Amino acid sequence: MRLTPLLFVLALTSCTTGGAAVDPIPGSITYGGQPRTKLEKSPVGSILHHDFMMTDGRRAYETYRIEPDRSLTLLNRVIMSDVPPDN
C-alpha cells in the first residue's frame, strides 16, 4: 500500500482555511507579485494547484483561486517534510 496519498490527505485535513493569509515563498506562483500572464480561459473562482521543491529539499503543495480580476489568491500550502521516492 502506498502511503504517499494517505499522508497527503491527512496533511490536508489538518489544515485550516480560517481567513489567515498565506504568504508566498520562493517557488510560489505569486512570489514577487502576480504573474504577468493572465489565466483568461479559466473560470473565475477556479481552483488550481501548484507543487514545487523548496530550497531545503522539502516539497510544497499550494492551492490558488482565480479572482474576478484574473489575479491569483494563495489559499493554502502544505509542506511535506519526508516525501518517499517514487518507485
PDB file of N, CA and C in Angstrom:
ATOM      1  N   MET A   1       0.843  -1.179   0.000  1.00  0.00           N
ATOM      2  CA  MET A   1       0.000   0.000   0.000  1.00  0.00           C
ATOM      3  C   MET A   1       0.889   1.244   0.000  1.00  0.00           C
ATOM      4  N   ARG A   2       0.578   2.160  -0.865  1.00  0.00           N
ATOM      5  CA  ARG A   2       1.358   3.395  -0.947  1.00  0.00           C
ATOM      6  C   ARG A   2       0.861   4.375   0.100  1.00  0.00           C
ATOM      7  N   LEU A   3       1.764   4.914   0.863  1.00  0.00           N
ATOM      8  CA  LEU A   3       1.406   5.831   1.942  1.00  0.00           C
ATOM      9  C   LEU A   3       1.355   7.282   1.499  1.00  0.00           C
ATOM     10  N   THR A   4       1.943   7.594   0.357  1.00  0.00           N
ATOM     11  CA  THR A   4       2.000   8.989  -0.086  1.00  0.00           C
ATOM     12  C   THR A   4       0.612   9.625  -0.183  1.00  0.00           C
ATOM     13  N   PRO A   5      -0.361   9.007  -0.892  1.00  0.00           N
ATOM     14  CA  PRO A   5      -1.688   9.643  -0.960  1.00  0.00           C
ATOM     15  C   PRO A   5      -2.342   9.780   0.409  1.00  0.00           C
ATOM     16  N   LEU A   6      -2.180   8.772   1.250  1.00  0.00           N
ATOM     17  CA  LEU A   6      -2.775   8.823   2.577  1.00  0.00           C
ATOM     18  C   LEU A   6      -2.158   9.949   3.404  1.00  0.00           C
ATOM     19  N   LEU A   7      -0.845  10.091   3.361  1.00  0.00           N
ATOM     20  CA  LEU A   7      -0.180  11.163   4.101  1.00  0.00           C
ATOM     21  C   LEU A   7      -0.616  12.537   3.592  1.00  0.00           C
ATOM     22  N   PHE A   8      -0.776  12.658   2.279  1.00  0.00           N
ATOM     23  CA  PHE A   8      -1.200  13.927   1.696  1.00  0.00           C
ATOM     24  C   PHE A   8      -2.604  14.288   2.171  1.00  0.00           C
ATOM     25  N   VAL A   9      -3.513  13.313   2.168  1.00  0.00           N
ATOM     26  CA  VAL A   9      -4.880  13.566   2.618  1.00  0.00           C
ATOM     27  C   VAL A   9      -4.883  13.947   4.096  1.00  0.00           C
ATOM     28  N   LEU A  10      -4.115  13.240   4.906  1.00  0.00           N
ATOM     29  CA  LEU A  10      -4.051  13.575   6.325  1.00  0.00           C
ATOM     30  C   LEU A  10      -3.488  14.977   6.539  1.00  0.00           C
ATOM     31  N   ALA A  11      -2.484  15.348   5.759  1.00  0.00           N
ATOM     32  CA  ALA A  11      -1.912  16.687   5.880  1.00  0.00           C
ATOM     33  C   ALA A  11      -2.934  17.746   5.499  1.00  0.00           C
ATOM     34  N   LEU A  12      -3.703  17.496   4.450  1.00  0.00           N
ATOM     35  CA  LEU A  12      -4.709  18.472   4.032  1.00  0.00           C
ATOM     36  C   LEU A  12      -5.828  18.607   5.057  1.00  0.00           C
ATOM     37  N   THR A  13      -6.236  17.511   5.659  1.00  0.00           N
ATOM     38  CA  THR A  13      -7.326  17.603   6.627  1.00  0.00           C
ATOM     39  C   THR A  13      -6.908  18.316   7.894  1.00  0.00           C
ATOM     40  N   SER A  14      -5.617  18.393   8.145  1.00  0.00           N
ATOM     41  CA  SER A  14      -5.159  19.088   9.347  1.00  0.00           C
ATOM     42  C   SER A  14      -4.995  20.583   9.120  1.00  0.00           C
ATOM     43  N   CYS A  15      -5.165  21.036   7.906  1.00  0.00           N
ATOM     44  CA  CYS A  15      -5.013  22.459   7.585  1.00  0.00           C
ATOM     45  C   CYS A  15      -6.321  23.191   7.825  1.00  0.00           C
ATOM     46  N   THR A  16      -6.199  24.463   8.154  1.00  0.00           N
ATOM     47  CA  THR A  16      -7.382  25.291   8.302  1.00  0.00           C
ATOM     48  C   THR A  16      -7.339  26.388   7.257  1.00  0.00           C
ATOM     49  N   THR A  17      -8.505  26.844   6.860  1.00  0.00           N
ATOM     50  CA  THR A  17      -8.587  27.934   5.893  1.00  0.00           C
ATOM     51  C   THR A  17      -9.283  29.130   6.525  1.00  0.00           C
ATOM     52  N   GLY A  18      -9.077  29.334   7.792  1.00  0.00           N
ATOM     53  CA  GLY A  18      -9.809  30.327   8.560  1.00  0.00           C
ATOM     54  C   GLY A  18      -9.439  31.765   8.304  1.00  0.00           C
ATOM     55  N   GLY A  19      -9.276  32.213   7.114  1.00  0.00           N
ATOM     56  CA  GLY A  19      -9.112  33.609   6.830  1.00  0.00           C
ATOM     57  C   GLY A  19      -7.707  34.155   6.999  1.00  0.00           C
ATOM     58  N   ALA A  20      -6.823  33.435   7.616  1.00  0.00           N
ATOM     59  CA  ALA A  20      -5.442  33.912   7.752  1.00  0.00           C
ATOM     60  C   ALA A  20      -4.759  33.815   6.392  1.00  0.00           C
ATOM     61  N   ALA A  21      -4.114  34.897   6.003  1.00  0.00           N
ATOM     62  CA  ALA A  21      -3.469  34.933   4.699  1.00  0.00           C
ATOM     63  C   ALA A  21      -2.239  34.020   4.697  1.00  0.00           C
ATOM     64  N   VAL A  22      -2.009  33.404   3.563  1.00  0.00           N
ATOM     65  CA  VAL A  22      -0.821  32.587   3.368  1.00  0.00           C
ATOM     66  C   VAL A  22       0.144  33.424   2.533  1.00  0.00           C
ATOM     67  N   ASP A  23       1.309  33.682   3.064  1.00  0.00           N
ATOM     68  CA  ASP A  23       2.290  34.495   2.345  1.00  0.00           C
ATOM     69  C   ASP A  23       3.058  33.634   1.350  1.00  0.00           C
ATOM     70  N   PRO A  24       3.294  34.163   0.140  1.00  0.00           N
ATOM     71  CA  PRO A  24       4.084  33.419  -0.835  1.00  0.00           C
ATOM     72  C   PRO A  24       5.529  33.257  -0.375  1.00  0.00           C
ATOM     73  N   ILE A  25       6.136  32.161  -0.784  1.00  0.00           N
ATOM     74  CA  ILE A  25       7.539  31.879  -0.503  1.00  0.00           C
ATOM     75  C   ILE A  25       8.244  31.654  -1.833  1.00  0.00           C
ATOM     76  N   PRO A  26       9.569  31.663  -1.884  1.00  0.00           N
ATOM     77  CA  PRO A  26      10.250  31.385  -3.150  1.00  0.00           C
ATOM     78  C   PRO A  26       9.757  30.066  -3.748  1.00  0.00           C
ATOM     79  N   GLY A  27       9.305  30.126  -4.991  1.00  0.00           N
ATOM     80  CA  GLY A  27       8.724  28.975  -5.667  1.00  0.00           C
ATOM     81  C   GLY A  27       7.228  29.102  -5.848  1.00  0.00           C
ATOM     82  N   SER A  28       6.583  29.940  -5.018  1.00  0.00           N
ATOM     83  CA  SER A  28       5.149  30.181  -5.168  1.00  0.00           C
ATOM     84  C   SER A  28       4.898  30.955  -6.459  1.00  0.00           C
ATOM     85  N   ILE A  29       3.752  30.724  -7.074  1.00  0.00           N
ATOM     86  CA  ILE A  29       3.411  31.435  -8.313  1.00  0.00           C
ATOM     87  C   ILE A  29       3.366  32.936  -8.071  1.00  0.00           C
ATOM     88  N   THR A  30       2.872  33.358  -6.915  1.00  0.00           N
ATOM     89  CA  THR A  30       2.710  34.785  -6.636  1.00  0.00           C
ATOM     90  C   THR A  30       3.875  35.389  -5.864  1.00  0.00           C
ATOM     91  N   TYR A  31       4.969  34.647  -5.696  1.00  0.00           N
ATOM     92  CA  TYR A  31       6.138  35.210  -5.012  1.00  0.00           C
ATOM     93  C   TYR A  31       6.712  36.326  -5.881  1.00  0.00           C
ATOM     94  N   GLY A  32       6.851  37.520  -5.325  1.00  0.00           N
ATOM     95  CA  GLY A  32       7.344  38.663  -6.085  1.00  0.00           C
ATOM     96  C   GLY A  32       6.258  39.389  -6.852  1.00  0.00           C
ATOM     97  N   GLY A  33       4.987  39.043  -6.620  1.00  0.00           N
ATOM     98  CA  GLY A  33       3.871  39.709  -7.284  1.00  0.00           C
ATOM     99  C   GLY A  33       3.068  38.738  -8.128  1.00  0.00           C
ATOM    100  N   GLN A  34       2.024  39.251  -8.723  1.00  0.00           N
ATOM    101  CA  GLN A  34       1.161  38.433  -9.571  1.00  0.00           C
ATOM    102  C   GLN A  34       1.894  38.061 -10.861  1.00  0.00           C
ATOM    103  N   PRO A  35       1.577  36.896 -11.430  1.00  0.00           N
ATOM    104  CA  PRO A  35       2.212  36.523 -12.706  1.00  0.00           C
ATOM    105  C   PRO A  35       1.808  37.499 -13.812  1.00  0.00           C
ATOM    106  N   ARG A  36       2.695  37.667 -14.773  1.00  0.00           N
ATOM    107  CA  ARG A  36       2.424  38.595 -15.878  1.00  0.00           C
ATOM    108  C   ARG A  36       1.336  38.085 -16.814  1.00  0.00           C
ATOM    109  N   THR A  37       1.276  36.784 -16.997  1.00  0.00           N
ATOM    110  CA  THR A  37       0.244  36.223 -17.866  1.00  0.00           C
ATOM    111  C   THR A  37      -1.030  36.024 -17.065  1.00  0.00           C
ATOM    112  N   LYS A  38      -2.148  36.285 -17.686  1.00  0.00           N
ATOM    113  CA  LYS A  38      -3.447  36.141 -17.035  1.00  0.00           C
ATOM    114  C   LYS A  38      -4.071  34.810 -17.453  1.00  0.00           C
ATOM    115  N   LEU A  39      -4.787  34.201 -16.546  1.00  0.00           N
ATOM    116  CA  LEU A  39      -5.480  32.955 -16.819  1.00  0.00           C
ATOM    117  C   LEU A  39      -6.850  33.292 -17.395  1.00  0.00           C
ATOM    118  N   GLU A  40      -6.883  33.604 -18.681  1.00  0.00           N
ATOM    119  CA  GLU A  40      -8.106  34.105 -19.310  1.00  0.00           C
ATOM    120  C   GLU A  40      -9.122  33.020 -19.620  1.00  0.00           C
ATOM    121  N   LYS A  41      -8.692  31.786 -19.823  1.00  0.00           N
ATOM    122  CA  LYS A  41      -9.622  30.728 -20.193  1.00  0.00           C
ATOM    123  C   LYS A  41     -10.228  30.025 -18.986  1.00  0.00           C
ATOM    124  N   SER A  42      -9.623  30.175 -17.833  1.00  0.00           N
ATOM    125  CA  SER A  42     -10.133  29.519 -16.631  1.00  0.00           C
ATOM    126  C   SER A  42     -11.244  30.347 -16.010  1.00  0.00           C
ATOM    127  N   PRO A  43     -12.324  29.701 -15.584  1.00  0.00           N
ATOM    128  CA  PRO A  43     -13.432  30.448 -14.973  1.00  0.00           C
ATOM    129  C   PRO A  43     -13.025  31.098 -13.645  1.00  0.00           C
ATOM    130  N   VAL A  44     -13.614  32.248 -13.374  1.00  0.00           N
ATOM    131  CA  VAL A  44     -13.409  32.918 -12.095  1.00  0.00           C
ATOM    132  C   VAL A  44     -13.854  31.970 -10.988  1.00  0.00           C
ATOM    133  N   GLY A  45     -13.070  31.904  -9.930  1.00  0.00           N
ATOM    134  CA  GLY A  45     -13.384  31.015  -8.827  1.00  0.00           C
ATOM    135  C   GLY A  45     -12.757  29.638  -8.955  1.00  0.00           C
ATOM    136  N   SER A  46     -12.140  29.372 -10.115  1.00  0.00           N
ATOM    137  CA  SER A  46     -11.484  28.081 -10.309  1.00  0.00           C
ATOM    138  C   SER A  46     -10.341  27.923  -9.325  1.00  0.00           C
ATOM    139  N   ILE A  47     -10.097  26.696  -8.956  1.00  0.00           N
ATOM    140  CA  ILE A  47      -9.010  26.358  -8.055  1.00  0.00           C
ATOM    141  C   ILE A  47      -7.912  25.693  -8.869  1.00  0.00           C
ATOM    142  N   LEU A  48      -6.677  26.086  -8.602  1.00  0.00           N
ATOM    143  CA  LEU A  48      -5.561  25.416  -9.253  1.00  0.00           C
ATOM    144  C   LEU A  48      -4.515  25.059  -8.212  1.00  0.00           C
ATOM    145  N   HIS A  49      -3.763  24.031  -8.524  1.00  0.00           N
ATOM    146  CA  HIS A  49      -2.754  23.515  -7.599  1.00  0.00           C
ATOM    147  C   HIS A  49      -1.372  23.682  -8.207  1.00  0.00           C
ATOM    148  N   HIS A  50      -0.414  23.898  -7.353  1.00  0.00           N
ATOM    149  CA  HIS A  50       0.984  24.092  -7.766  1.00  0.00           C
ATOM    150  C   HIS A  50       1.854  23.379  -6.746  1.00  0.00           C
ATOM    151  N   ASP A  51       2.780  22.561  -7.236  1.00  0.00           N
ATOM    152  CA  ASP A  51       3.714  21.940  -6.304  1.00  0.00           C
ATOM    153  C   ASP A  51       5.132  22.190  -6.785  1.00  0.00           C
ATOM    154  N   PHE A  52       6.044  22.314  -5.840  1.00  0.00           N
ATOM    155  CA  PHE A  52       7.431  22.615  -6.170  1.00  0.00           C
ATOM    156  C   PHE A  52       8.335  22.174  -5.035  1.00  0.00           C
ATOM    157  N   MET A  53       9.599  22.029  -5.354  1.00  0.00           N
ATOM    158  CA  MET A  53      10.602  21.658  -4.368  1.00  0.00           C
ATOM    159  C   MET A  53      11.178  22.932  -3.780  1.00  0.00           C
ATOM    160  N   MET A  54      11.162  23.036  -2.463  1.00  0.00           N
ATOM    161  CA  MET A  54      11.722  24.198  -1.789  1.00  0.00           C
ATOM    162  C   MET A  54      13.244  24.074  -1.738  1.00  0.00           C
ATOM    163  N   THR A  55      13.913  25.157  -1.405  1.00  0.00           N
ATOM    164  CA  THR A  55      15.379  25.159  -1.395  1.00  0.00           C
ATOM    165  C   THR A  55      15.965  24.197  -0.380  1.00  0.00           C
ATOM    166  N   ASP A  56      15.206  23.847   0.651  1.00  0.00           N
ATOM    167  CA  ASP A  56      15.714  22.909   1.654  1.00  0.00           C
ATOM    168  C   ASP A  56      15.389  21.452   1.325  1.00  0.00           C
ATOM    169  N   GLY A  57      14.823  21.210   0.136  1.00  0.00           N
ATOM    170  CA  GLY A  57      14.555  19.848  -0.308  1.00  0.00           C
ATOM    171  C   GLY A  57      13.171  19.324   0.013  1.00  0.00           C
ATOM    172  N   ARG A  58      12.380  20.089   0.746  1.00  0.00           N
ATOM    173  CA  ARG A  58      11.010  19.663   1.033  1.00  0.00           C
ATOM    174  C   ARG A  58      10.099  20.060  -0.115  1.00  0.00           C
ATOM    175  N   ARG A  59       9.003  19.322  -0.287  1.00  0.00           N
ATOM    176  CA  ARG A  59       8.037  19.611  -1.343  1.00  0.00           C
ATOM    177  C   ARG A  59       6.891  20.424  -0.766  1.00  0.00           C
ATOM    178  N   ALA A  60       6.503  21.473  -1.485  1.00  0.00           N
ATOM    179  CA  ALA A  60       5.374  22.318  -1.092  1.00  0.00           C
ATOM    180  C   ALA A  60       4.234  22.121  -2.086  1.00  0.00           C
ATOM    181  N   TYR A  61       3.024  21.980  -1.569  1.00  0.00           N
ATOM    182  CA  TYR A  61       1.810  21.868  -2.379  1.00  0.00           C
ATOM    183  C   TYR A  61       0.956  23.084  -2.055  1.00  0.00           C
ATOM    184  N   GLU A  62       0.635  23.884  -3.077  1.00  0.00           N
ATOM    185  CA  GLU A  62      -0.148  25.107  -2.863  1.00  0.00           C
ATOM    186  C   GLU A  62      -1.462  25.057  -3.635  1.00  0.00           C
ATOM    187  N   THR A  63      -2.457  25.751  -3.089  1.00  0.00           N
ATOM    188  CA  THR A  63      -3.766  25.857  -3.715  1.00  0.00           C
ATOM    189  C   THR A  63      -4.070  27.338  -3.933  1.00  0.00           C
ATOM    190  N   TYR A  64      -4.491  27.676  -5.148  1.00  0.00           N
ATOM    191  CA  TYR A  64      -4.813  29.055  -5.525  1.00  0.00           C
ATOM    192  C   TYR A  64      -6.251  29.130  -6.043  1.00  0.00           C
ATOM    193  N   ARG A  65      -6.841  30.330  -5.943  1.00  0.00           N
ATOM    194  CA  ARG A  65      -8.154  30.612  -6.530  1.00  0.00           C
ATOM    195  C   ARG A  65      -7.995  31.763  -7.524  1.00  0.00           C
ATOM    196  N   ILE A  66      -8.675  31.660  -8.660  1.00  0.00           N
ATOM    197  CA  ILE A  66      -8.674  32.732  -9.662  1.00  0.00           C
ATOM    198  C   ILE A  66      -9.754  33.742  -9.289  1.00  0.00           C
ATOM    199  N   GLU A  67      -9.344  34.987  -9.105  1.00  0.00           N
ATOM    200  CA  GLU A  67     -10.244  36.066  -8.699  1.00  0.00           C
ATOM    201  C   GLU A  67     -10.885  36.730  -9.926  1.00  0.00           C
ATOM    202  N   PRO A  68     -11.945  37.550  -9.724  1.00  0.00           N
ATOM    203  CA  PRO A  68     -12.611  38.219 -10.852  1.00  0.00           C
ATOM    204  C   PRO A  68     -11.679  39.091 -11.698  1.00  0.00           C
ATOM    205  N   ASP A  69     -10.638  39.663 -11.089  1.00  0.00           N
ATOM    206  CA  ASP A  69      -9.702  40.483 -11.871  1.00  0.00           C
ATOM    207  C   ASP A  69      -8.593  39.641 -12.511  1.00  0.00           C
ATOM    208  N   ARG A  70      -8.744  38.304 -12.444  1.00  0.00           N
ATOM    209  CA  ARG A  70      -7.826  37.316 -13.030  1.00  0.00           C
ATOM    210  C   ARG A  70      -6.526  37.173 -12.236  1.00  0.00           C
ATOM    211  N   SER A  71      -6.457  37.760 -11.062  1.00  0.00           N
ATOM    212  CA  SER A  71      -5.294  37.554 -10.197  1.00  0.00           C
ATOM    213  C   SER A  71      -5.473  36.233  -9.456  1.00  0.00           C
ATOM    214  N   LEU A  72      -4.421  35.794  -8.798  1.00  0.00           N
ATOM    215  CA  LEU A  72      -4.460  34.556  -8.030  1.00  0.00           C
ATOM    216  C   LEU A  72      -4.375  34.860  -6.547  1.00  0.00           C
ATOM    217  N   THR A  73      -5.160  34.146  -5.759  1.00  0.00           N
ATOM    218  CA  THR A  73      -5.081  34.227  -4.314  1.00  0.00           C
ATOM    219  C   THR A  73      -4.561  32.895  -3.795  1.00  0.00           C
ATOM    220  N   LEU A  74      -3.483  32.952  -3.033  1.00  0.00           N
ATOM    221  CA  LEU A  74      -2.912  31.762  -2.418  1.00  0.00           C
ATOM    222  C   LEU A  74      -3.760  31.399  -1.208  1.00  0.00           C
ATOM    223  N   LEU A  75      -4.427  30.255  -1.274  1.00  0.00           N
ATOM    224  CA  LEU A  75      -5.343  29.838  -0.214  1.00  0.00           C
ATOM    225  C   LEU A  75      -4.698  28.955   0.834  1.00  0.00           C
ATOM    226  N   ASN A  76      -3.812  28.071   0.403  1.00  0.00           N
ATOM    227  CA  ASN A  76      -3.317  27.053   1.308  1.00  0.00           C
ATOM    228  C   ASN A  76      -1.962  26.549   0.835  1.00  0.00           C
ATOM    229  N   ARG A  77      -1.145  26.125   1.807  1.00  0.00           N
ATOM    230  CA  ARG A  77       0.125  25.486   1.479  1.00  0.00           C
ATOM    231  C   ARG A  77       0.335  24.326   2.439  1.00  0.00           C
ATOM    232  N   VAL A  78       0.733  23.190   1.894  1.00  0.00           N
ATOM    233  CA  VAL A  78       1.104  22.035   2.699  1.00  0.00           C
ATOM    234  C   VAL A  78       2.558  21.742   2.371  1.00  0.00           C
ATOM    235  N   ILE A  79       3.374  21.602   3.404  1.00  0.00           N
ATOM    236  CA  ILE A  79       4.790  21.286   3.210  1.00  0.00           C
ATOM    237  C   ILE A  79       5.021  19.874   3.719  1.00  0.00           C
ATOM    238  N   MET A  80       5.494  19.039   2.833  1.00  0.00           N
ATOM    239  CA  MET A  80       5.788  17.643   3.188  1.00  0.00           C
ATOM    240  C   MET A  80       7.251  17.557   3.570  1.00  0.00           C
ATOM    241  N   SER A  81       7.517  17.101   4.778  1.00  0.00           N
ATOM    242  CA  SER A  81       8.893  17.045   5.238  1.00  0.00           C
ATOM    243  C   SER A  81       9.630  15.826   4.719  1.00  0.00           C
ATOM    244  N   ASP A  82       8.968  14.703   4.620  1.00  0.00           N
ATOM    245  CA  ASP A  82       9.597  13.481   4.131  1.00  0.00           C
ATOM    246  C   ASP A  82       8.717  12.843   3.076  1.00  0.00           C
ATOM    247  N   VAL A  83       9.037  13.081   1.823  1.00  0.00           N
ATOM    248  CA  VAL A  83       8.271  12.502   0.728  1.00  0.00           C
ATOM    249  C   VAL A  83       9.025  11.268   0.253  1.00  0.00           C
ATOM    250  N   PRO A  84       8.393  10.080   0.329  1.00  0.00           N
ATOM    251  CA  PRO A  84       9.085   8.890  -0.136  1.00  0.00           C
ATOM    252  C   PRO A  84       9.312   8.946  -1.646  1.00  0.00           C
ATOM    253  N   PRO A  85      10.407   8.403  -2.144  1.00  0.00           N
ATOM    254  CA  PRO A  85      10.683   8.433  -3.576  1.00  0.00           C
ATOM    255  C   PRO A  85       9.701   7.548  -4.340  1.00  0.00           C
ATOM    256  N   ASP A  86       9.384   7.930  -5.583  1.00  0.00           N
ATOM    257  CA  ASP A  86       8.538   7.108  -6.450  1.00  0.00           C
ATOM    258  C   ASP A  86       9.341   5.919  -6.915  1.00  0.00           C
ATOM    259  N   ASN A  87       8.737   4.773  -6.892  1.00  0.00           N
ATOM    260  CA  ASN A  87       9.399   3.552  -7.374  1.00  0.00           C
ATOM    261  C   ASN A  87       8.772   3.070  -8.645  1.00  0.00           C
TER     262      ASN A  87
END
